[in-house]
């Protein structure tokens, strides 16, 4: 039923926003709805229980990673419903930005996505290389704000725009990842 609801929301949004002149804004919104739908699919298959982070990352990034340029590495970490939704949106924004401006905008670009747990802290690293030279954004849009929220209220996010590409480090207490 939830999948049908998400499809209905997407159709309503598309119809409601069909006269919006700036189509890129509408497409971004619809893409975010699709991302949430993919996250719901992953959760549904796990009976809305904790899910493997890798499964969430794969479901979120597959539609954007047509050339298999995103390489994932990390031990199995289980995440709860709220974290699944947040991580999906966060990874979607990072990948979308990489596809528009960064490493995923060129065939030779690459993204390394790594995660792990140490001393009760979850760490996720996003590293882009091989793309065009990047600069900090001129303005902070909704996607950047989503990224900066991180995974949990007591976590942190650090973004850097280096010569090799965008780097993002996200940390959160492990206990916050399973918050249902």
C-alpha atoms as a PDB file:
ATOM      1  CA  UNK A   1       0.000   0.000   0.000  1.00  0.00           C
ATOM      2  CA  UNK A   2       2.818   2.370   0.817  1.00  0.00           C
ATOM      3  CA  UNK A   3       4.288   1.954  -2.655  1.00  0.00           C
ATOM      4  CA  UNK A   4       0.922   2.903  -4.132  1.00  0.00           C
ATOM      5  CA  UNK A   5       0.802   5.915  -1.829  1.00  0.00           C
ATOM      6  CA  UNK A   6       4.260   7.036  -2.940  1.00  0.00           C
ATOM      7  CA  UNK A   7       3.237   6.639  -6.590  1.00  0.00           C
ATOM      8  CA  UNK A   8       0.118   8.700  -5.885  1.00  0.00           C
ATOM      9  CA  UNK A   9       2.172  11.417  -4.204  1.00  0.00           C
ATOM     10  CA  UNK A  10       4.489  11.486  -7.197  1.00  0.00           C
ATOM     11  CA  UNK A  11       1.570  11.762  -9.619  1.00  0.00           C
ATOM     12  CA  UNK A  12      -0.073  14.494  -7.524  1.00  0.00           C
ATOM     13  CA  UNK A  13       3.170  16.427  -7.367  1.00  0.00           C
ATOM     14  CA  UNK A  14       3.744  16.106 -11.099  1.00  0.00           C
ATOM     15  CA  UNK A  15       0.223  17.305 -11.878  1.00  0.00           C
ATOM     16  CA  UNK A  16       0.260  20.060  -9.267  1.00  0.00           C
ATOM     17  CA  UNK A  17       3.600  21.382 -10.470  1.00  0.00           C
ATOM     18  CA  UNK A  18       3.114  20.935 -14.220  1.00  0.00           C
ATOM     19  CA  UNK A  19       2.893  24.683 -14.808  1.00  0.00           C
ATOM     20  CA  UNK A  20       6.019  25.523 -12.835  1.00  0.00           C
ATOM     21  CA  UNK A  21       8.363  27.181 -15.304  1.00  0.00           C
ATOM     22  CA  UNK A  22      11.609  26.085 -13.672  1.00  0.00           C
ATOM     23  CA  UNK A  23      11.394  22.370 -14.523  1.00  0.00           C
ATOM     24  CA  UNK A  24      14.679  21.470 -12.849  1.00  0.00           C
ATOM     25  CA  UNK A  25      13.142  22.249  -9.454  1.00  0.00           C
ATOM     26  CA  UNK A  26      10.189  19.977 -10.208  1.00  0.00           C
ATOM     27  CA  UNK A  27      12.494  17.188 -11.398  1.00  0.00           C
ATOM     28  CA  UNK A  28      14.613  17.472  -8.249  1.00  0.00           C
ATOM     29  CA  UNK A  29      11.488  17.199  -6.120  1.00  0.00           C
ATOM     30  CA  UNK A  30      10.196  14.180  -8.040  1.00  0.00           C
ATOM     31  CA  UNK A  31      13.620  12.519  -7.834  1.00  0.00           C
ATOM     32  CA  UNK A  32      13.535  12.929  -4.051  1.00  0.00           C
ATOM     33  CA  UNK A  33      10.130  11.251  -3.939  1.00  0.00           C
ATOM     34  CA  UNK A  34      11.500   8.342  -5.986  1.00  0.00           C
ATOM     35  CA  UNK A  35      14.444   8.116  -3.560  1.00  0.00           C
ATOM     36  CA  UNK A  36      12.066   7.904  -0.608  1.00  0.00           C
ATOM     37  CA  UNK A  37      10.093   5.234  -2.477  1.00  0.00           C
ATOM     38  CA  UNK A  38      13.261   3.185  -2.985  1.00  0.00           C
ATOM     39  CA  UNK A  39      14.036   3.482   0.723  1.00  0.00           C
ATOM     40  CA  UNK A  40      10.507   2.346   1.542  1.00  0.00           C
ATOM     41  CA  UNK A  41      11.002  -0.693  -0.702  1.00  0.00           C
ATOM     42  CA  UNK A  42      14.142  -1.673   1.203  1.00  0.00           C
ATOM     43  CA  UNK A  43      12.360  -1.236   4.532  1.00  0.00           C
ATOM     44  CA  UNK A  44       9.293  -3.132   3.335  1.00  0.00           C
ATOM     45  CA  UNK A  45      11.439  -6.145   2.394  1.00  0.00           C
ATOM     46  CA  UNK A  46      12.792  -6.139   5.962  1.00  0.00           C
ATOM     47  CA  UNK A  47       9.334  -5.773   7.564  1.00  0.00           C
ATOM     48  CA  UNK A  48      10.193  -2.215   8.613  1.00  0.00           C
ATOM     49  CA  UNK A  49      12.981  -3.449  10.853  1.00  0.00           C
ATOM     50  CA  UNK A  50      16.659  -2.521  10.831  1.00  0.00           C
ATOM     51  CA  UNK A  51      18.238  -2.905   7.392  1.00  0.00           C
ATOM     52  CA  UNK A  52      21.818  -3.266   6.162  1.00  0.00           C
ATOM     53  CA  UNK A  53      23.312   0.102   5.255  1.00  0.00           C
ATOM     54  CA  UNK A  54      24.824  -1.354   2.079  1.00  0.00           C
ATOM     55  CA  UNK A  55      21.367  -2.347   0.812  1.00  0.00           C
ATOM     56  CA  UNK A  56      20.092   1.196   1.356  1.00  0.00           C
ATOM     57  CA  UNK A  57      23.138   2.709  -0.359  1.00  0.00           C
ATOM     58  CA  UNK A  58      22.822   0.367  -3.346  1.00  0.00           C
ATOM     59  CA  UNK A  59      19.090   1.061  -3.774  1.00  0.00           C
ATOM     60  CA  UNK A  60      19.668   4.809  -3.545  1.00  0.00           C
ATOM     61  CA  UNK A  61      22.729   5.079  -5.769  1.00  0.00           C
ATOM     62  CA  UNK A  62      21.932   2.527  -8.491  1.00  0.00           C
ATOM     63  CA  UNK A  63      19.685   4.876 -10.506  1.00  0.00           C
ATOM     64  CA  UNK A  64      22.455   7.496 -10.622  1.00  0.00           C
ATOM     65  CA  UNK A  65      25.461   5.171 -11.027  1.00  0.00           C
ATOM     66  CA  UNK A  66      24.907   4.021 -14.607  1.00  0.00           C
ATOM     67  CA  UNK A  67      28.641   3.634 -15.310  1.00  0.00           C
ATOM     68  CA  UNK A  68      29.452   1.801 -12.037  1.00  0.00           C
ATOM     69  CA  UNK A  69      31.633   4.669 -10.827  1.00  0.00           C
ATOM     70  CA  UNK A  70      30.599   4.474  -7.168  1.00  0.00           C
ATOM     71  CA  UNK A  71      32.649   2.019  -5.134  1.00  0.00           C
ATOM     72  CA  UNK A  72      31.364   1.006  -1.720  1.00  0.00           C
ATOM     73  CA  UNK A  73      33.318  -0.447   1.135  1.00  0.00           C
ATOM     74  CA  UNK A  74      32.327  -1.023   4.722  1.00  0.00           C
ATOM     75  CA  UNK A  75      31.440  -3.619   7.276  1.00  0.00           C
ATOM     76  CA  UNK A  76      27.810  -4.482   7.750  1.00  0.00           C
ATOM     77  CA  UNK A  77      25.991  -1.878   9.787  1.00  0.00           C
ATOM     78  CA  UNK A  78      22.292  -2.106  10.579  1.00  0.00           C
ATOM     79  CA  UNK A  79      20.278   1.106  10.472  1.00  0.00           C
ATOM     80  CA  UNK A  80      16.744   1.907  11.578  1.00  0.00           C
ATOM     81  CA  UNK A  81      13.806   3.350   9.715  1.00  0.00           C
ATOM     82  CA  UNK A  82      14.524   7.040  10.336  1.00  0.00           C
ATOM     83  CA  UNK A  83      18.201   6.645   9.488  1.00  0.00           C
ATOM     84  CA  UNK A  84      17.293   4.730   6.319  1.00  0.00           C
ATOM     85  CA  UNK A  85      15.144   7.604   5.104  1.00  0.00           C
ATOM     86  CA  UNK A  86      17.736  10.219   6.040  1.00  0.00           C
ATOM     87  CA  UNK A  87      20.659   8.296   4.542  1.00  0.00           C
ATOM     88  CA  UNK A  88      18.738   7.753   1.301  1.00  0.00           C
ATOM     89  CA  UNK A  89      18.088  11.462   0.841  1.00  0.00           C
ATOM     90  CA  UNK A  90      21.628  12.390   1.865  1.00  0.00           C
ATOM     91  CA  UNK A  91      23.268   9.929  -0.559  1.00  0.00           C
ATOM     92  CA  UNK A  92      20.861  10.946  -3.306  1.00  0.00           C
ATOM     93  CA  UNK A  93      21.889  14.596  -2.907  1.00  0.00           C
ATOM     94  CA  UNK A  94      25.608  13.760  -2.898  1.00  0.00           C
ATOM     95  CA  UNK A  95      25.282  11.576  -5.994  1.00  0.00           C
ATOM     96  CA  UNK A  96      23.083  14.075  -7.817  1.00  0.00           C
ATOM     97  CA  UNK A  97      25.606  16.837  -7.170  1.00  0.00           C
ATOM     98  CA  UNK A  98      28.429  14.549  -8.311  1.00  0.00           C
ATOM     99  CA  UNK A  99      26.501  13.769 -11.509  1.00  0.00           C
ATOM    100  CA  UNK A 100      25.866  17.438 -12.244  1.00  0.00           C
ATOM    101  CA  UNK A 101      29.154  19.016 -11.185  1.00  0.00           C
ATOM    102  CA  UNK A 102      31.617  16.442  -9.919  1.00  0.00           C
ATOM    103  CA  UNK A 103      33.157  13.029 -10.424  1.00  0.00           C
ATOM    104  CA  UNK A 104      30.057  11.383 -11.878  1.00  0.00           C
ATOM    105  CA  UNK A 105      29.806  14.012 -14.607  1.00  0.00           C
ATOM    106  CA  UNK A 106      32.717  12.416 -16.497  1.00  0.00           C
ATOM    107  CA  UNK A 107      33.328   8.766 -17.464  1.00  0.00           C
ATOM    108  CA  UNK A 108      36.735   8.733 -15.751  1.00  0.00           C
ATOM    109  CA  UNK A 109      35.354  10.038 -12.451  1.00  0.00           C
ATOM    110  CA  UNK A 110      35.004   7.896  -9.378  1.00  0.00           C
ATOM    111  CA  UNK A 111      33.330   8.043  -5.981  1.00  0.00           C
ATOM    112  CA  UNK A 112      34.556   6.045  -3.015  1.00  0.00           C
ATOM    113  CA  UNK A 113      31.919   5.557  -0.342  1.00  0.00           C
ATOM    114  CA  UNK A 114      33.292   3.998   2.820  1.00  0.00           C
ATOM    115  CA  UNK A 115      31.813   3.490   6.251  1.00  0.00           C
ATOM    116  CA  UNK A 116      32.671   1.908   9.552  1.00  0.00           C
ATOM    117  CA  UNK A 117      32.273   2.023  13.293  1.00  0.00           C
ATOM    118  CA  UNK A 118      34.960   2.828  15.840  1.00  0.00           C
ATOM    119  CA  UNK A 119      34.617   3.611  19.525  1.00  0.00           C
ATOM    120  CA  UNK A 120      30.828   3.896  19.327  1.00  0.00           C
ATOM    121  CA  UNK A 121      30.929   6.341  16.416  1.00  0.00           C
ATOM    122  CA  UNK A 122      29.704   5.614  12.914  1.00  0.00           C
ATOM    123  CA  UNK A 123      31.744   7.284  10.163  1.00  0.00           C
ATOM    124  CA  UNK A 124      30.791   7.603   6.513  1.00  0.00           C
ATOM    125  CA  UNK A 125      33.236   9.014   3.949  1.00  0.00           C
ATOM    126  CA  UNK A 126      32.323  10.228   0.440  1.00  0.00           C
ATOM    127  CA  UNK A 127      35.346  10.911  -1.789  1.00  0.00           C
ATOM    128  CA  UNK A 128      35.178  12.081  -5.389  1.00  0.00           C
ATOM    129  CA  UNK A 129      38.108  12.017  -7.810  1.00  0.00           C
ATOM    130  CA  UNK A 130      38.692  12.172 -11.547  1.00  0.00           C
ATOM    131  CA  UNK A 131      36.014  14.752 -12.236  1.00  0.00           C
ATOM    132  CA  UNK A 132      36.235  18.420 -13.089  1.00  0.00           C
ATOM    133  CA  UNK A 133      37.709  20.856 -10.603  1.00  0.00           C
ATOM    134  CA  UNK A 134      35.052  21.696  -8.050  1.00  0.00           C
ATOM    135  CA  UNK A 135      34.339  24.854  -6.125  1.00  0.00           C
ATOM    136  CA  UNK A 136      32.156  25.478  -3.108  1.00  0.00           C
ATOM    137  CA  UNK A 137      28.600  26.236  -4.209  1.00  0.00           C
ATOM    138  CA  UNK A 138      27.700  29.886  -4.726  1.00  0.00           C
ATOM    139  CA  UNK A 139      24.511  29.411  -2.731  1.00  0.00           C
ATOM    140  CA  UNK A 140      23.233  26.795  -0.319  1.00  0.00           C
ATOM    141  CA  UNK A 141      20.152  25.068  -1.655  1.00  0.00           C
ATOM    142  CA  UNK A 142      17.809  22.560  -0.109  1.00  0.00           C
ATOM    143  CA  UNK A 143      20.032  19.626  -1.102  1.00  0.00           C
ATOM    144  CA  UNK A 144      23.056  21.127   0.645  1.00  0.00           C
ATOM    145  CA  UNK A 145      20.962  21.730   3.743  1.00  0.00           C
ATOM    146  CA  UNK A 146      19.822  18.085   3.668  1.00  0.00           C
ATOM    147  CA  UNK A 147      23.439  16.947   3.555  1.00  0.00           C
ATOM    148  CA  UNK A 148      24.443  19.301   6.358  1.00  0.00           C
ATOM    149  CA  UNK A 149      21.741  17.878   8.654  1.00  0.00           C
ATOM    150  CA  UNK A 150      23.675  14.615   8.766  1.00  0.00           C
ATOM    151  CA  UNK A 151      22.236  11.339   9.999  1.00  0.00           C
ATOM    152  CA  UNK A 152      21.335  12.213  13.575  1.00  0.00           C
ATOM    153  CA  UNK A 153      20.832  15.437  15.521  1.00  0.00           C
ATOM    154  CA  UNK A 154      23.963  14.734  17.591  1.00  0.00           C
ATOM    155  CA  UNK A 155      26.141  13.842  14.604  1.00  0.00           C
ATOM    156  CA  UNK A 156      28.339  15.985  12.387  1.00  0.00           C
ATOM    157  CA  UNK A 157      29.014  16.682   8.723  1.00  0.00           C
ATOM    158  CA  UNK A 158      32.136  18.155   7.183  1.00  0.00           C
ATOM    159  CA  UNK A 159      32.247  19.075   3.493  1.00  0.00           C
ATOM    160  CA  UNK A 160      35.425  19.997   1.643  1.00  0.00           C
ATOM    161  CA  UNK A 161      35.951  21.087  -1.955  1.00  0.00           C
ATOM    162  CA  UNK A 162      39.491  19.975  -2.700  1.00  0.00           C
ATOM    163  CA  UNK A 163      41.561  19.821  -5.868  1.00  0.00           C
ATOM    164  CA  UNK A 164      40.715  16.109  -6.315  1.00  0.00           C
ATOM    165  CA  UNK A 165      36.983  16.577  -5.747  1.00  0.00           C
ATOM    166  CA  UNK A 166      34.306  16.835  -3.105  1.00  0.00           C
ATOM    167  CA  UNK A 167      34.931  15.130   0.212  1.00  0.00           C
ATOM    168  CA  UNK A 168      32.245  14.650   2.836  1.00  0.00           C
ATOM    169  CA  UNK A 169      32.704  13.119   6.277  1.00  0.00           C
ATOM    170  CA  UNK A 170      29.642  12.216   8.292  1.00  0.00           C
ATOM    171  CA  UNK A 171      29.709  10.995  11.878  1.00  0.00           C
ATOM    172  CA  UNK A 172      26.967   9.856  14.207  1.00  0.00           C
ATOM    173  CA  UNK A 173      26.732   7.907  17.438  1.00  0.00           C
ATOM    174  CA  UNK A 174      26.048   4.248  16.644  1.00  0.00           C
ATOM    175  CA  UNK A 175      23.144   4.127  19.089  1.00  0.00           C
ATOM    176  CA  UNK A 176      21.356   6.835  17.056  1.00  0.00           C
ATOM    177  CA  UNK A 177      21.413   4.787  13.847  1.00  0.00           C
ATOM    178  CA  UNK A 178      18.860   2.266  15.098  1.00  0.00           C
ATOM    179  CA  UNK A 179      16.435   4.889  16.397  1.00  0.00           C
ATOM    180  CA  UNK A 180      13.078   3.735  15.056  1.00  0.00           C
END
